[in-house]
């Protein structure tokens, strides 16, 4: 079984621990925003280790939209490379845990529709895209 490597970022590690320790009843919102988050468990593309990332909760029916914004930083978050290499994930939304498969959205119309859902759920995404020259990756997580 692969080893779990917690995030080096204190707030990420603490949020994941609280979320999971409580069975999905605490730590379910992004720090002080009150906006809902999910935990995406994925496999590291270099280490093969288990990684866990809190992401904004953006729903599209039974699916989830995952946005690689990293606050508009010039580089993609590491989890983007993990998902590209290993699309099988486990997604925790509150007390519900599901096995899902992700796919990166490149098709313009689908990406625009999902991006609009993401910005509606978390308006800062629009500002993040303006801050960076890179195209922020958008993934769709679908139940297996």
Protein backbone atom coordinates (compact mmCIF):
# COMPACT_ATOMS: atom_id res chain seq x y z
CA UNK A 1 0.00 0.00 0.00
CA UNK A 2 1.38 3.45 -0.91
CA UNK A 3 2.48 5.74 1.89
CA UNK A 4 0.53 8.92 2.70
CA UNK A 5 2.65 12.06 2.57
CA UNK A 6 0.88 15.06 4.18
CA UNK A 7 1.16 18.49 2.59
CA UNK A 8 4.16 20.60 3.61
CA UNK A 9 1.72 23.54 4.01
CA UNK A 10 0.47 23.69 7.60
CA UNK A 11 -3.04 24.95 6.78
CA UNK A 12 -3.57 22.26 4.12
CA UNK A 13 -2.32 19.46 6.37
CA UNK A 14 -4.41 20.70 9.32
CA UNK A 15 -7.56 21.06 7.22
CA UNK A 16 -7.22 17.54 5.77
CA UNK A 17 -6.60 16.08 9.25
CA UNK A 18 -9.62 17.85 10.78
CA UNK A 19 -11.87 16.94 7.84
CA UNK A 20 -10.93 13.26 7.97
CA UNK A 21 -10.69 12.92 11.76
CA UNK A 22 -14.25 14.26 12.08
CA UNK A 23 -15.60 11.92 9.39
CA UNK A 24 -16.38 14.92 7.19
CA UNK A 25 -18.37 16.91 9.75
CA UNK A 26 -15.70 19.56 10.51
CA UNK A 27 -13.13 21.39 8.42
CA UNK A 28 -15.50 21.36 5.47
CA UNK A 29 -15.12 25.03 4.60
CA UNK A 30 -12.15 26.99 3.30
CA UNK A 31 -10.47 28.58 6.29
CA UNK A 32 -12.47 31.69 7.20
CA UNK A 33 -14.56 32.03 4.02
CA UNK A 34 -17.34 29.64 4.97
CA UNK A 35 -17.23 28.27 1.41
CA UNK A 36 -17.42 24.46 1.09
CA UNK A 37 -14.38 22.37 0.23
CA UNK A 38 -13.83 18.75 -0.72
CA UNK A 39 -10.78 16.57 -0.15
CA UNK A 40 -9.25 14.98 -3.24
CA UNK A 41 -7.00 12.00 -2.56
CA UNK A 42 -4.64 11.31 -5.44
CA UNK A 43 -1.40 9.54 -6.25
CA UNK A 44 1.84 11.49 -6.52
CA UNK A 45 3.19 11.39 -10.08
CA UNK A 46 6.82 11.18 -8.94
CA UNK A 47 6.62 9.48 -5.53
CA UNK A 48 3.65 7.17 -6.05
CA UNK A 49 2.60 8.28 -2.55
CA UNK A 50 -0.92 9.19 -1.48
CA UNK A 51 -1.56 12.95 -1.48
CA UNK A 52 -4.62 14.80 -0.15
CA UNK A 53 -5.72 18.24 -1.26
CA UNK A 54 -8.61 20.43 -0.12
CA UNK A 55 -10.26 22.07 -3.14
CA UNK A 56 -13.27 24.31 -3.59
CA UNK A 57 -16.53 22.36 -3.89
CA UNK A 58 -17.85 22.99 -7.40
CA UNK A 59 -20.62 20.60 -8.47
CA UNK A 60 -21.83 19.75 -11.96
CA UNK A 61 -24.65 17.30 -11.33
CA UNK A 62 -23.04 14.16 -9.87
CA UNK A 63 -19.61 15.40 -11.00
CA UNK A 64 -17.12 17.81 -9.46
CA UNK A 65 -15.12 20.56 -11.16
CA UNK A 66 -11.50 20.76 -9.95
CA UNK A 67 -9.69 24.03 -10.67
CA UNK A 68 -5.88 24.25 -10.62
CA UNK A 69 -5.73 27.95 -9.78
CA UNK A 70 -3.15 28.11 -6.96
CA UNK A 71 -4.32 31.67 -6.38
CA UNK A 72 -3.17 32.77 -9.83
CA UNK A 73 0.45 31.73 -9.20
CA UNK A 74 2.67 31.39 -12.29
CA UNK A 75 2.92 27.59 -11.89
CA UNK A 76 0.28 24.86 -11.67
CA UNK A 77 -0.26 23.27 -8.27
CA UNK A 78 1.52 19.91 -7.94
CA UNK A 79 -1.78 18.03 -7.81
CA UNK A 80 -2.46 18.99 -11.45
CA UNK A 81 0.51 16.86 -12.55
CA UNK A 82 -0.65 14.06 -10.24
CA UNK A 83 -4.10 14.01 -11.86
CA UNK A 84 -2.66 14.11 -15.36
CA UNK A 85 -0.50 11.07 -14.57
CA UNK A 86 -3.01 9.19 -12.38
CA UNK A 87 -6.66 10.09 -13.04
CA UNK A 88 -8.10 7.73 -10.39
CA UNK A 89 -9.01 9.69 -7.24
CA UNK A 90 -11.03 9.38 -4.08
CA UNK A 91 -13.17 12.41 -3.36
CA UNK A 92 -14.60 13.26 0.06
CA UNK A 93 -17.50 15.71 0.16
CA UNK A 94 -18.53 16.03 3.78
CA UNK A 95 -19.39 12.54 4.99
CA UNK A 96 -19.61 11.04 1.48
CA UNK A 97 -16.53 9.38 -0.01
CA UNK A 98 -16.52 8.30 -3.67
CA UNK A 99 -14.10 6.71 -6.09
CA UNK A 100 -13.89 8.95 -9.14
CA UNK A 101 -11.96 9.37 -12.35
CA UNK A 102 -10.85 12.77 -13.58
CA UNK A 103 -10.31 14.12 -17.03
CA UNK A 104 -8.80 17.43 -17.97
CA UNK A 105 -11.16 19.64 -19.95
CA UNK A 106 -9.62 21.09 -23.10
CA UNK A 107 -12.68 21.44 -25.32
CA UNK A 108 -13.58 25.15 -25.39
CA UNK A 109 -17.37 25.01 -24.93
CA UNK A 110 -17.25 22.45 -22.10
CA UNK A 111 -14.39 24.30 -20.41
CA UNK A 112 -16.24 27.62 -20.62
CA UNK A 113 -19.37 26.06 -19.09
CA UNK A 114 -17.43 24.45 -16.24
CA UNK A 115 -15.34 27.59 -15.68
CA UNK A 116 -18.56 29.60 -15.27
CA UNK A 117 -19.77 27.11 -12.63
CA UNK A 118 -16.42 27.39 -10.84
CA UNK A 119 -16.47 31.20 -10.82
CA UNK A 120 -20.06 31.21 -9.59
CA UNK A 121 -19.05 28.93 -6.69
CA UNK A 122 -15.82 30.84 -5.95
CA UNK A 123 -15.64 34.29 -7.64
CA UNK A 124 -11.90 34.83 -6.94
CA UNK A 125 -11.14 32.29 -9.69
CA UNK A 126 -11.83 35.02 -12.26
CA UNK A 127 -9.22 37.29 -10.63
CA UNK A 128 -6.75 34.42 -10.39
CA UNK A 129 -6.93 33.86 -14.15
CA UNK A 130 -6.26 37.57 -14.73
CA UNK A 131 -3.18 37.39 -12.47
CA UNK A 132 -1.44 34.64 -14.44
CA UNK A 133 -0.36 34.10 -18.04
CA UNK A 134 -1.02 30.35 -17.79
CA UNK A 135 -4.37 28.84 -18.61
CA UNK A 136 -5.72 27.55 -15.31
CA UNK A 137 -6.40 23.81 -15.68
CA UNK A 138 -9.96 22.54 -15.23
CA UNK A 139 -10.70 18.88 -14.48
CA UNK A 140 -13.99 17.03 -14.20
CA UNK A 141 -14.22 14.27 -11.59
CA UNK A 142 -16.84 11.69 -12.52
CA UNK A 143 -18.10 8.73 -10.45
CA UNK A 144 -16.60 5.39 -11.45
